[in-house]
């Protein structure tokens, strides 16, 4: 029996003269979005849909040069209801097929691009230096290397992994994990069961509330720290006094507030 070969995804490429600080708005169902550094303005769409040509043609991609805004919609719902008289079942089957074979998006962006993604299960990956990111999803993951601006994520089971962030981070999740390698700003996380890990590099406010996820906060040596940490049944440990603060009195502090029901909490020096 011969080996089954993978079918290479079909592609569509658009090119625009995107400027620094461009706003990118993307709507998908399950398609992933990747932002890369390179020849800026190149937008690449790929899909494994059986009717790839039609699927790619239906994707809407518009660049408003005056507003410096790129809008992309993979149009999962486009065509729903066109088979009139064939019944709702057929329409829903077509929509599910479109969602399953959604279009992945890759954009080569200039520095400082800001992205907003609305998706059901698509992932957001940033290999470029971004000026901000916002994502609303059911289960999509977010993985960004360097963001110089705010990050806002709302998801049910998706995970959030950030490298260096210069700006506030806000995340609302049910079971997704949150990991920040180098935070220079505030962090607000509300979660049910996802673990939270953050390395804090500058003064700011850390506010974490969860039910059963573990929380680990690493604070750079030398920073003033104020702690307000509680867990109902989880273990709490800290290299810093839990009932006070430490550091130079004239500094702005890192304020760490953690509320957990059964999750373990650890605060330590980086």
C-alpha atoms as a PDB file:
ATOM      1  CA  UNK A   1       0.000   0.000   0.000  1.00  0.00           C
ATOM      2  CA  UNK A   2       1.410   3.391  -0.965  1.00  0.00           C
ATOM      3  CA  UNK A   3       1.906   6.169   1.572  1.00  0.00           C
ATOM      4  CA  UNK A   4      -0.696   8.888   1.824  1.00  0.00           C
ATOM      5  CA  UNK A   5       0.736  12.279   0.912  1.00  0.00           C
ATOM      6  CA  UNK A   6      -0.404  15.499   2.516  1.00  0.00           C
ATOM      7  CA  UNK A   7      -2.053  18.005   0.217  1.00  0.00           C
ATOM      8  CA  UNK A   8      -0.283  21.357   0.265  1.00  0.00           C
ATOM      9  CA  UNK A   9      -2.659  24.147   1.328  1.00  0.00           C
ATOM     10  CA  UNK A  10      -3.802  26.521  -1.411  1.00  0.00           C
ATOM     11  CA  UNK A  11      -2.739  30.158  -1.107  1.00  0.00           C
ATOM     12  CA  UNK A  12      -3.870  33.655  -1.916  1.00  0.00           C
ATOM     13  CA  UNK A  13      -1.498  36.600  -1.497  1.00  0.00           C
ATOM     14  CA  UNK A  14      -2.309  40.315  -1.201  1.00  0.00           C
ATOM     15  CA  UNK A  15       0.145  43.192  -0.783  1.00  0.00           C
ATOM     16  CA  UNK A  16      -0.418  46.618   0.755  1.00  0.00           C
ATOM     17  CA  UNK A  17       1.760  49.515   1.899  1.00  0.00           C
ATOM     18  CA  UNK A  18       1.077  49.163   5.602  1.00  0.00           C
ATOM     19  CA  UNK A  19       2.444  51.928   7.812  1.00  0.00           C
ATOM     20  CA  UNK A  20       3.868  51.769  11.321  1.00  0.00           C
ATOM     21  CA  UNK A  21       1.136  51.430  13.927  1.00  0.00           C
ATOM     22  CA  UNK A  22      -1.337  49.815  11.526  1.00  0.00           C
ATOM     23  CA  UNK A  23      -4.535  48.474  13.090  1.00  0.00           C
ATOM     24  CA  UNK A  24      -5.385  44.926  12.003  1.00  0.00           C
ATOM     25  CA  UNK A  25      -8.858  43.547  12.601  1.00  0.00           C
ATOM     26  CA  UNK A  26      -9.470  39.861  11.854  1.00  0.00           C
ATOM     27  CA  UNK A  27     -12.602  37.718  12.123  1.00  0.00           C
ATOM     28  CA  UNK A  28     -12.315  33.923  11.754  1.00  0.00           C
ATOM     29  CA  UNK A  29     -13.953  30.742  13.036  1.00  0.00           C
ATOM     30  CA  UNK A  30     -11.041  28.315  13.353  1.00  0.00           C
ATOM     31  CA  UNK A  31      -8.399  29.934  11.196  1.00  0.00           C
ATOM     32  CA  UNK A  32      -5.107  30.872  12.847  1.00  0.00           C
ATOM     33  CA  UNK A  33      -3.588  34.349  12.607  1.00  0.00           C
ATOM     34  CA  UNK A  34       0.177  34.891  12.560  1.00  0.00           C
ATOM     35  CA  UNK A  35       1.964  38.247  12.514  1.00  0.00           C
ATOM     36  CA  UNK A  36       5.561  38.177  11.317  1.00  0.00           C
ATOM     37  CA  UNK A  37       8.396  40.568  10.593  1.00  0.00           C
ATOM     38  CA  UNK A  38       9.569  40.712   7.020  1.00  0.00           C
ATOM     39  CA  UNK A  39       8.366  42.258   3.792  1.00  0.00           C
ATOM     40  CA  UNK A  40       5.703  44.417   5.420  1.00  0.00           C
ATOM     41  CA  UNK A  41       2.318  44.523   3.805  1.00  0.00           C
ATOM     42  CA  UNK A  42       2.297  40.964   2.492  1.00  0.00           C
ATOM     43  CA  UNK A  43      -0.896  39.147   3.511  1.00  0.00           C
ATOM     44  CA  UNK A  44      -1.006  35.406   2.892  1.00  0.00           C
ATOM     45  CA  UNK A  45      -4.154  33.284   3.123  1.00  0.00           C
ATOM     46  CA  UNK A  46      -4.013  29.472   3.143  1.00  0.00           C
ATOM     47  CA  UNK A  47      -6.679  26.777   3.354  1.00  0.00           C
ATOM     48  CA  UNK A  48      -7.090  23.030   2.988  1.00  0.00           C
ATOM     49  CA  UNK A  49     -10.729  23.325   1.889  1.00  0.00           C
ATOM     50  CA  UNK A  50     -11.668  20.925  -0.891  1.00  0.00           C
ATOM     51  CA  UNK A  51     -12.861  23.886  -2.970  1.00  0.00           C
ATOM     52  CA  UNK A  52      -9.888  26.059  -2.057  1.00  0.00           C
ATOM     53  CA  UNK A  53     -10.255  28.545  -4.914  1.00  0.00           C
ATOM     54  CA  UNK A  54     -13.817  29.443  -3.960  1.00  0.00           C
ATOM     55  CA  UNK A  55     -12.986  29.484  -0.256  1.00  0.00           C
ATOM     56  CA  UNK A  56     -10.069  31.883  -0.711  1.00  0.00           C
ATOM     57  CA  UNK A  57     -12.002  34.105  -3.092  1.00  0.00           C
ATOM     58  CA  UNK A  58     -14.684  34.709  -0.490  1.00  0.00           C
ATOM     59  CA  UNK A  59     -12.225  36.073   2.080  1.00  0.00           C
ATOM     60  CA  UNK A  60     -12.658  39.810   2.518  1.00  0.00           C
ATOM     61  CA  UNK A  61      -9.421  41.802   2.827  1.00  0.00           C
ATOM     62  CA  UNK A  62      -9.618  45.615   2.810  1.00  0.00           C
ATOM     63  CA  UNK A  63      -6.935  48.170   3.639  1.00  0.00           C
ATOM     64  CA  UNK A  64      -8.033  51.724   4.475  1.00  0.00           C
ATOM     65  CA  UNK A  65      -4.894  53.755   3.841  1.00  0.00           C
ATOM     66  CA  UNK A  66      -6.341  56.949   5.336  1.00  0.00           C
ATOM     67  CA  UNK A  67      -7.126  55.219   8.641  1.00  0.00           C
ATOM     68  CA  UNK A  68      -4.143  52.836   8.369  1.00  0.00           C
ATOM     69  CA  UNK A  69      -6.474  49.926   9.097  1.00  0.00           C
ATOM     70  CA  UNK A  70      -6.431  46.426   7.607  1.00  0.00           C
ATOM     71  CA  UNK A  71      -9.705  44.481   7.928  1.00  0.00           C
ATOM     72  CA  UNK A  72      -9.862  40.735   7.253  1.00  0.00           C
ATOM     73  CA  UNK A  73     -12.910  38.487   7.450  1.00  0.00           C
ATOM     74  CA  UNK A  74     -12.712  34.836   6.396  1.00  0.00           C
ATOM     75  CA  UNK A  75     -16.489  34.883   5.814  1.00  0.00           C
ATOM     76  CA  UNK A  76     -17.433  31.602   7.437  1.00  0.00           C
ATOM     77  CA  UNK A  77     -21.086  32.629   7.333  1.00  0.00           C
ATOM     78  CA  UNK A  78     -21.007  33.835   3.727  1.00  0.00           C
ATOM     79  CA  UNK A  79     -23.189  31.664   1.575  1.00  0.00           C
ATOM     80  CA  UNK A  80     -25.322  30.433   4.476  1.00  0.00           C
ATOM     81  CA  UNK A  81     -28.909  30.248   3.229  1.00  0.00           C
ATOM     82  CA  UNK A  82     -28.057  30.433  -0.483  1.00  0.00           C
ATOM     83  CA  UNK A  83     -29.412  26.911  -0.993  1.00  0.00           C
ATOM     84  CA  UNK A  84     -32.992  28.012  -0.489  1.00  0.00           C
ATOM     85  CA  UNK A  85     -35.467  25.195  -0.180  1.00  0.00           C
ATOM     86  CA  UNK A  86     -32.779  22.649   0.722  1.00  0.00           C
ATOM     87  CA  UNK A  87     -33.458  22.877   4.461  1.00  0.00           C
ATOM     88  CA  UNK A  88     -31.700  24.206   7.531  1.00  0.00           C
ATOM     89  CA  UNK A  89     -29.768  20.964   7.983  1.00  0.00           C
ATOM     90  CA  UNK A  90     -27.898  21.413   4.726  1.00  0.00           C
ATOM     91  CA  UNK A  91     -27.168  25.043   5.516  1.00  0.00           C
ATOM     92  CA  UNK A  92     -25.766  24.167   8.921  1.00  0.00           C
ATOM     93  CA  UNK A  93     -23.693  21.351   7.458  1.00  0.00           C
ATOM     94  CA  UNK A  94     -22.178  23.796   5.003  1.00  0.00           C
ATOM     95  CA  UNK A  95     -21.395  26.290   7.757  1.00  0.00           C
ATOM     96  CA  UNK A  96     -19.726  23.605   9.896  1.00  0.00           C
ATOM     97  CA  UNK A  97     -17.636  22.541   6.910  1.00  0.00           C
ATOM     98  CA  UNK A  98     -16.562  26.128   6.315  1.00  0.00           C
ATOM     99  CA  UNK A  99     -15.598  26.537   9.961  1.00  0.00           C
ATOM    100  CA  UNK A 100     -13.610  23.303   9.983  1.00  0.00           C
ATOM    101  CA  UNK A 101     -11.755  24.269   6.797  1.00  0.00           C
ATOM    102  CA  UNK A 102     -11.311  27.924   7.674  1.00  0.00           C
ATOM    103  CA  UNK A 103      -8.587  30.148   6.236  1.00  0.00           C
ATOM    104  CA  UNK A 104      -5.322  30.797   8.074  1.00  0.00           C
ATOM    105  CA  UNK A 105      -3.959  34.340   7.878  1.00  0.00           C
ATOM    106  CA  UNK A 106      -0.337  35.505   7.919  1.00  0.00           C
ATOM    107  CA  UNK A 107       0.539  39.202   7.818  1.00  0.00           C
ATOM    108  CA  UNK A 108       4.015  40.732   7.558  1.00  0.00           C
ATOM    109  CA  UNK A 109       3.698  43.854   9.695  1.00  0.00           C
ATOM    110  CA  UNK A 110       5.742  46.947  10.493  1.00  0.00           C
ATOM    111  CA  UNK A 111       6.756  47.629  14.084  1.00  0.00           C
ATOM    112  CA  UNK A 112       3.969  48.735  16.396  1.00  0.00           C
ATOM    113  CA  UNK A 113       1.093  47.020  14.602  1.00  0.00           C
ATOM    114  CA  UNK A 114      -2.005  46.515  16.734  1.00  0.00           C
ATOM    115  CA  UNK A 115      -4.197  43.470  16.230  1.00  0.00           C
ATOM    116  CA  UNK A 116      -7.767  42.624  17.215  1.00  0.00           C
ATOM    117  CA  UNK A 117      -8.976  39.065  16.606  1.00  0.00           C
ATOM    118  CA  UNK A 118     -12.465  37.649  16.997  1.00  0.00           C
ATOM    119  CA  UNK A 119     -12.570  33.874  16.600  1.00  0.00           C
ATOM    120  CA  UNK A 120     -14.071  30.644  17.910  1.00  0.00           C
ATOM    121  CA  UNK A 121     -10.983  28.439  18.065  1.00  0.00           C
ATOM    122  CA  UNK A 122      -8.280  30.093  15.987  1.00  0.00           C
ATOM    123  CA  UNK A 123      -4.872  30.873  17.513  1.00  0.00           C
ATOM    124  CA  UNK A 124      -3.095  34.231  17.523  1.00  0.00           C
ATOM    125  CA  UNK A 125       0.695  34.083  17.140  1.00  0.00           C
ATOM    126  CA  UNK A 126       2.960  37.139  17.056  1.00  0.00           C
ATOM    127  CA  UNK A 127       6.576  36.850  15.931  1.00  0.00           C
ATOM    128  CA  UNK A 128       6.849  40.611  15.410  1.00  0.00           C
ATOM    129  CA  UNK A 129       7.055  43.559  17.821  1.00  0.00           C
ATOM    130  CA  UNK A 130       3.442  44.636  18.295  1.00  0.00           C
ATOM    131  CA  UNK A 131       1.903  47.808  19.669  1.00  0.00           C
ATOM    132  CA  UNK A 132      -1.039  46.018  21.257  1.00  0.00           C
ATOM    133  CA  UNK A 133      -3.246  42.944  20.973  1.00  0.00           C
ATOM    134  CA  UNK A 134      -6.851  42.052  21.749  1.00  0.00           C
ATOM    135  CA  UNK A 135      -8.551  38.693  21.303  1.00  0.00           C
ATOM    136  CA  UNK A 136     -11.982  37.251  22.064  1.00  0.00           C
ATOM    137  CA  UNK A 137     -12.389  33.500  21.545  1.00  0.00           C
ATOM    138  CA  UNK A 138     -13.859  30.275  22.860  1.00  0.00           C
ATOM    139  CA  UNK A 139     -10.708  28.155  22.827  1.00  0.00           C
ATOM    140  CA  UNK A 140      -8.027  29.893  20.776  1.00  0.00           C
ATOM    141  CA  UNK A 141      -4.500  30.289  22.193  1.00  0.00           C
ATOM    142  CA  UNK A 142      -2.460  33.506  22.205  1.00  0.00           C
ATOM    143  CA  UNK A 143       1.321  33.408  21.849  1.00  0.00           C
ATOM    144  CA  UNK A 144       3.095  36.745  21.500  1.00  0.00           C
ATOM    145  CA  UNK A 145       6.806  37.412  21.760  1.00  0.00           C
ATOM    146  CA  UNK A 146       7.078  41.192  22.277  1.00  0.00           C
ATOM    147  CA  UNK A 147       4.272  43.691  22.828  1.00  0.00           C
ATOM    148  CA  UNK A 148       4.783  47.382  23.551  1.00  0.00           C
ATOM    149  CA  UNK A 149       1.222  48.207  24.494  1.00  0.00           C
ATOM    150  CA  UNK A 150      -1.897  46.735  26.095  1.00  0.00           C
ATOM    151  CA  UNK A 151      -2.889  43.069  25.808  1.00  0.00           C
ATOM    152  CA  UNK A 152      -6.504  42.050  26.413  1.00  0.00           C
ATOM    153  CA  UNK A 153      -7.704  38.448  26.134  1.00  0.00           C
ATOM    154  CA  UNK A 154     -11.073  36.868  26.846  1.00  0.00           C
ATOM    155  CA  UNK A 155     -11.425  33.123  26.264  1.00  0.00           C
ATOM    156  CA  UNK A 156     -12.952  29.998  27.768  1.00  0.00           C
ATOM    157  CA  UNK A 157     -10.181  27.430  27.455  1.00  0.00           C
ATOM    158  CA  UNK A 158      -7.475  29.129  25.420  1.00  0.00           C
ATOM    159  CA  UNK A 159      -4.006  29.748  26.810  1.00  0.00           C
ATOM    160  CA  UNK A 160      -2.058  33.025  26.979  1.00  0.00           C
ATOM    161  CA  UNK A 161       1.725  32.966  26.592  1.00  0.00           C
ATOM    162  CA  UNK A 162       3.578  36.282  26.445  1.00  0.00           C
ATOM    163  CA  UNK A 163       7.250  37.134  26.187  1.00  0.00           C
ATOM    164  CA  UNK A 164       8.090  40.738  27.036  1.00  0.00           C
ATOM    165  CA  UNK A 165       5.139  43.075  27.547  1.00  0.00           C
ATOM    166  CA  UNK A 166       5.525  46.821  28.097  1.00  0.00           C
ATOM    167  CA  UNK A 167       1.974  47.696  29.008  1.00  0.00           C
ATOM    168  CA  UNK A 168      -1.037  46.394  30.921  1.00  0.00           C
ATOM    169  CA  UNK A 169      -2.259  42.814  30.498  1.00  0.00           C
ATOM    170  CA  UNK A 170      -5.872  41.834  31.138  1.00  0.00           C
ATOM    171  CA  UNK A 171      -7.083  38.232  30.836  1.00  0.00           C
ATOM    172  CA  UNK A 172     -10.417  36.570  31.608  1.00  0.00           C
ATOM    173  CA  UNK A 173     -10.380  32.782  31.250  1.00  0.00           C
ATOM    174  CA  UNK A 174     -12.102  29.647  32.484  1.00  0.00           C
ATOM    175  CA  UNK A 175      -9.388  27.002  32.274  1.00  0.00           C
ATOM    176  CA  UNK A 176      -6.587  28.482  30.189  1.00  0.00           C
ATOM    177  CA  UNK A 177      -3.037  28.952  31.444  1.00  0.00           C
ATOM    178  CA  UNK A 178      -1.419  32.411  31.648  1.00  0.00           C
ATOM    179  CA  UNK A 179       2.356  32.800  31.398  1.00  0.00           C
ATOM    180  CA  UNK A 180       4.238  36.113  31.151  1.00  0.00           C
ATOM    181  CA  UNK A 181       8.027  35.977  30.857  1.00  0.00           C
ATOM    182  CA  UNK A 182       8.794  39.675  31.459  1.00  0.00           C
ATOM    183  CA  UNK A 183       6.069  42.087  32.555  1.00  0.00           C
ATOM    184  CA  UNK A 184       6.569  45.848  32.571  1.00  0.00           C
ATOM    185  CA  UNK A 185       3.087  47.010  33.552  1.00  0.00           C
ATOM    186  CA  UNK A 186      -0.063  45.897  35.356  1.00  0.00           C
ATOM    187  CA  UNK A 187      -1.535  42.403  35.218  1.00  0.00           C
ATOM    188  CA  UNK A 188      -5.168  41.496  35.849  1.00  0.00           C
ATOM    189  CA  UNK A 189      -6.233  37.838  35.568  1.00  0.00           C
ATOM    190  CA  UNK A 190      -9.592  36.260  36.389  1.00  0.00           C
ATOM    191  CA  UNK A 191      -9.593  32.484  35.965  1.00  0.00           C
ATOM    192  CA  UNK A 192     -11.285  29.337  37.274  1.00  0.00           C
ATOM    193  CA  UNK A 193      -8.713  26.571  36.928  1.00  0.00           C
ATOM    194  CA  UNK A 194      -5.823  27.837  34.832  1.00  0.00           C
ATOM    195  CA  UNK A 195      -2.354  28.308  36.317  1.00  0.00           C
ATOM    196  CA  UNK A 196      -0.872  31.820  36.296  1.00  0.00           C
ATOM    197  CA  UNK A 197       2.861  32.543  36.129  1.00  0.00           C
ATOM    198  CA  UNK A 198       4.329  36.021  35.790  1.00  0.00           C
ATOM    199  CA  UNK A 199       7.819  37.509  36.087  1.00  0.00           C
ATOM    200  CA  UNK A 200       7.538  41.165  37.108  1.00  0.00           C
ATOM    201  CA  UNK A 201      10.304  43.491  35.951  1.00  0.00           C
ATOM    202  CA  UNK A 202       8.976  46.954  36.920  1.00  0.00           C
ATOM    203  CA  UNK A 203       6.618  48.503  39.502  1.00  0.00           C
ATOM    204  CA  UNK A 204       2.954  47.845  38.832  1.00  0.00           C
ATOM    205  CA  UNK A 205      -0.164  46.122  40.098  1.00  0.00           C
ATOM    206  CA  UNK A 206      -0.662  42.352  39.949  1.00  0.00           C
ATOM    207  CA  UNK A 207      -4.258  41.297  40.596  1.00  0.00           C
ATOM    208  CA  UNK A 208      -5.114  37.590  40.234  1.00  0.00           C
ATOM    209  CA  UNK A 209      -8.339  35.839  41.198  1.00  0.00           C
ATOM    210  CA  UNK A 210      -8.951  32.146  40.561  1.00  0.00           C
ATOM    211  CA  UNK A 211     -10.534  29.035  42.036  1.00  0.00           C
ATOM    212  CA  UNK A 212      -8.171  26.090  41.670  1.00  0.00           C
ATOM    213  CA  UNK A 213      -5.290  27.208  39.474  1.00  0.00           C
ATOM    214  CA  UNK A 214      -1.834  27.729  40.968  1.00  0.00           C
ATOM    215  CA  UNK A 215      -0.284  31.205  40.965  1.00  0.00           C
ATOM    216  CA  UNK A 216       3.446  31.974  40.804  1.00  0.00           C
ATOM    217  CA  UNK A 217       4.721  35.561  40.844  1.00  0.00           C
ATOM    218  CA  UNK A 218       8.415  36.346  40.451  1.00  0.00           C
ATOM    219  CA  UNK A 219       9.470  39.898  41.353  1.00  0.00           C
ATOM    220  CA  UNK A 220      12.790  41.317  40.219  1.00  0.00           C
ATOM    221  CA  UNK A 221      15.273  41.772  43.030  1.00  0.00           C
ATOM    222  CA  UNK A 222      15.429  45.298  44.434  1.00  0.00           C
ATOM    223  CA  UNK A 223      11.814  46.253  43.735  1.00  0.00           C
ATOM    224  CA  UNK A 224       9.569  47.379  46.569  1.00  0.00           C
ATOM    225  CA  UNK A 225       6.794  44.809  47.074  1.00  0.00           C
ATOM    226  CA  UNK A 226       3.427  45.014  48.821  1.00  0.00           C
ATOM    227  CA  UNK A 227       1.621  41.704  49.281  1.00  0.00           C
ATOM    228  CA  UNK A 228      -2.009  40.797  49.861  1.00  0.00           C
ATOM    229  CA  UNK A 229      -2.158  37.043  49.216  1.00  0.00           C
ATOM    230  CA  UNK A 230      -4.809  34.566  50.365  1.00  0.00           C
ATOM    231  CA  UNK A 231      -5.876  31.013  49.520  1.00  0.00           C
ATOM    232  CA  UNK A 232      -8.688  29.190  51.322  1.00  0.00           C
ATOM    233  CA  UNK A 233      -7.242  25.666  51.156  1.00  0.00           C
ATOM    234  CA  UNK A 234      -4.177  26.001  48.934  1.00  0.00           C
ATOM    235  CA  UNK A 235      -0.625  26.388  50.187  1.00  0.00           C
ATOM    236  CA  UNK A 236       0.849  29.898  50.317  1.00  0.00           C
ATOM    237  CA  UNK A 237       4.606  30.479  50.316  1.00  0.00           C
ATOM    238  CA  UNK A 238       6.690  33.597  49.856  1.00  0.00           C
ATOM    239  CA  UNK A 239      10.269  34.783  50.072  1.00  0.00           C
ATOM    240  CA  UNK A 240       8.776  38.146  51.018  1.00  0.00           C
ATOM    241  CA  UNK A 241       6.827  38.876  54.203  1.00  0.00           C
ATOM    242  CA  UNK A 242       3.126  38.364  53.526  1.00  0.00           C
ATOM    243  CA  UNK A 243       2.037  40.980  56.036  1.00  0.00           C
ATOM    244  CA  UNK A 244       4.155  43.867  54.869  1.00  0.00           C
ATOM    245  CA  UNK A 245       6.476  45.260  52.231  1.00  0.00           C
ATOM    246  CA  UNK A 246      10.139  45.334  51.481  1.00  0.00           C
ATOM    247  CA  UNK A 247      12.309  47.663  49.427  1.00  0.00           C
ATOM    248  CA  UNK A 248      13.148  51.357  49.320  1.00  0.00           C
ATOM    249  CA  UNK A 249      10.417  53.534  50.815  1.00  0.00           C
ATOM    250  CA  UNK A 250      10.588  56.169  48.058  1.00  0.00           C
ATOM    251  CA  UNK A 251       9.947  53.682  45.270  1.00  0.00           C
ATOM    252  CA  UNK A 252       6.627  52.926  43.598  1.00  0.00           C
ATOM    253  CA  UNK A 253       5.838  49.368  44.667  1.00  0.00           C
ATOM    254  CA  UNK A 254       4.854  46.179  42.951  1.00  0.00           C
ATOM    255  CA  UNK A 255       1.455  45.468  44.492  1.00  0.00           C
ATOM    256  CA  UNK A 256       0.622  41.761  44.444  1.00  0.00           C
ATOM    257  CA  UNK A 257      -2.961  40.802  45.255  1.00  0.00           C
ATOM    258  CA  UNK A 258      -3.978  37.144  44.874  1.00  0.00           C
ATOM    259  CA  UNK A 259      -7.264  35.515  45.831  1.00  0.00           C
ATOM    260  CA  UNK A 260      -7.604  31.751  45.400  1.00  0.00           C
ATOM    261  CA  UNK A 261      -9.897  29.032  46.733  1.00  0.00           C
ATOM    262  CA  UNK A 262      -7.803  25.873  46.457  1.00  0.00           C
ATOM    263  CA  UNK A 263      -4.867  26.858  44.291  1.00  0.00           C
ATOM    264  CA  UNK A 264      -1.322  27.129  45.626  1.00  0.00           C
ATOM    265  CA  UNK A 265       0.292  30.586  45.634  1.00  0.00           C
ATOM    266  CA  UNK A 266       4.016  31.274  45.518  1.00  0.00           C
ATOM    267  CA  UNK A 267       5.716  34.682  45.524  1.00  0.00           C
ATOM    268  CA  UNK A 268       9.472  34.843  45.100  1.00  0.00           C
ATOM    269  CA  UNK A 269      12.353  36.953  43.926  1.00  0.00           C
ATOM    270  CA  UNK A 270      13.443  36.486  40.329  1.00  0.00           C
END
